[in-house]
Amino acid sequence: MPEFVFMLTRNDVTVDDAFEVYGEVRDAGLRYVGFKDIGLPFDRLKALTEAIHDGGQEVMLEVVSEEKEDELRSAQAALDLGVDYLLGGTHAEEVTRMLSGADIRYCPFPGHIVGHPSLLRGSIEEITQSARELAAMDGVGGLDLLAYRHDGDVERLMRSVVASVEVPVIAAGSVDSEGKILTLADAGVWGFTVGSAIFEGKFAHNGASTREQVETILAASRAVAS
């Protein structure tokens, strides 16, 4: 059963009403809740981290910065916020040094990342090799794979990466249907993130609320294990 990470984000930005949305889903059965490093000021992100921890979930911060200096500031923010996971980013050597000794699982992006919202480019072979190299680094605890933001054979990409590494692989971005969740599970990913698709109502069958969409995704992820 792949783990579902609910991201309080839309178009790679933390939503303004993140606190209200989290309050709606706090007791829906989630194990992981995340947000991005842009969209809310630091003090609000700190309070949000504390609220999520109080609700019993682990917190994932995903980096979307394109410049090295901004990414390192985001890594420092992860330390200051006290999150459990730092997802994304492309400067793994520098970030692993910064996080050394901290109780944060770091999951960088394999492959060539461009733009905002982030897109994954490169051949499957190139991305898989990048994944191998990252997974072999001290301080890397997983990978944040932008599978559905790749312009190639997504299922083959996921299978290739998962089979090539021994760390958890999180499929991030553009998961917007139960069919994709089934594909992710078949490919063997550890988990997947959903944010924009919920805020855009992609799982809102018959006008379902945010909480009901979260429950639909949780049910879909559990169903593949049965």
Foldseek 3Di string as FASTA:
>chain_A
DAAEEEECDAQQAREPVSVVLCVVQLPLDHAHYEYEPHHDDLVVLLVVCVVSVVSNHAYEYEYQDPDPVSVVVVLVSCVVSVGAEYAEDDPLVVSLVVCVPPNHAYAYEFADWDDGVIAHEDDLVRSLVSLLVQLPDPRHQHHEYCQVRYPDDSLVSLLSNVVRHDHAYEHEDDPQDLVVLLSNVVSPHNHYYDYNNLVVCSQQVPNNHSNVSVSVVVVSNVVSVD
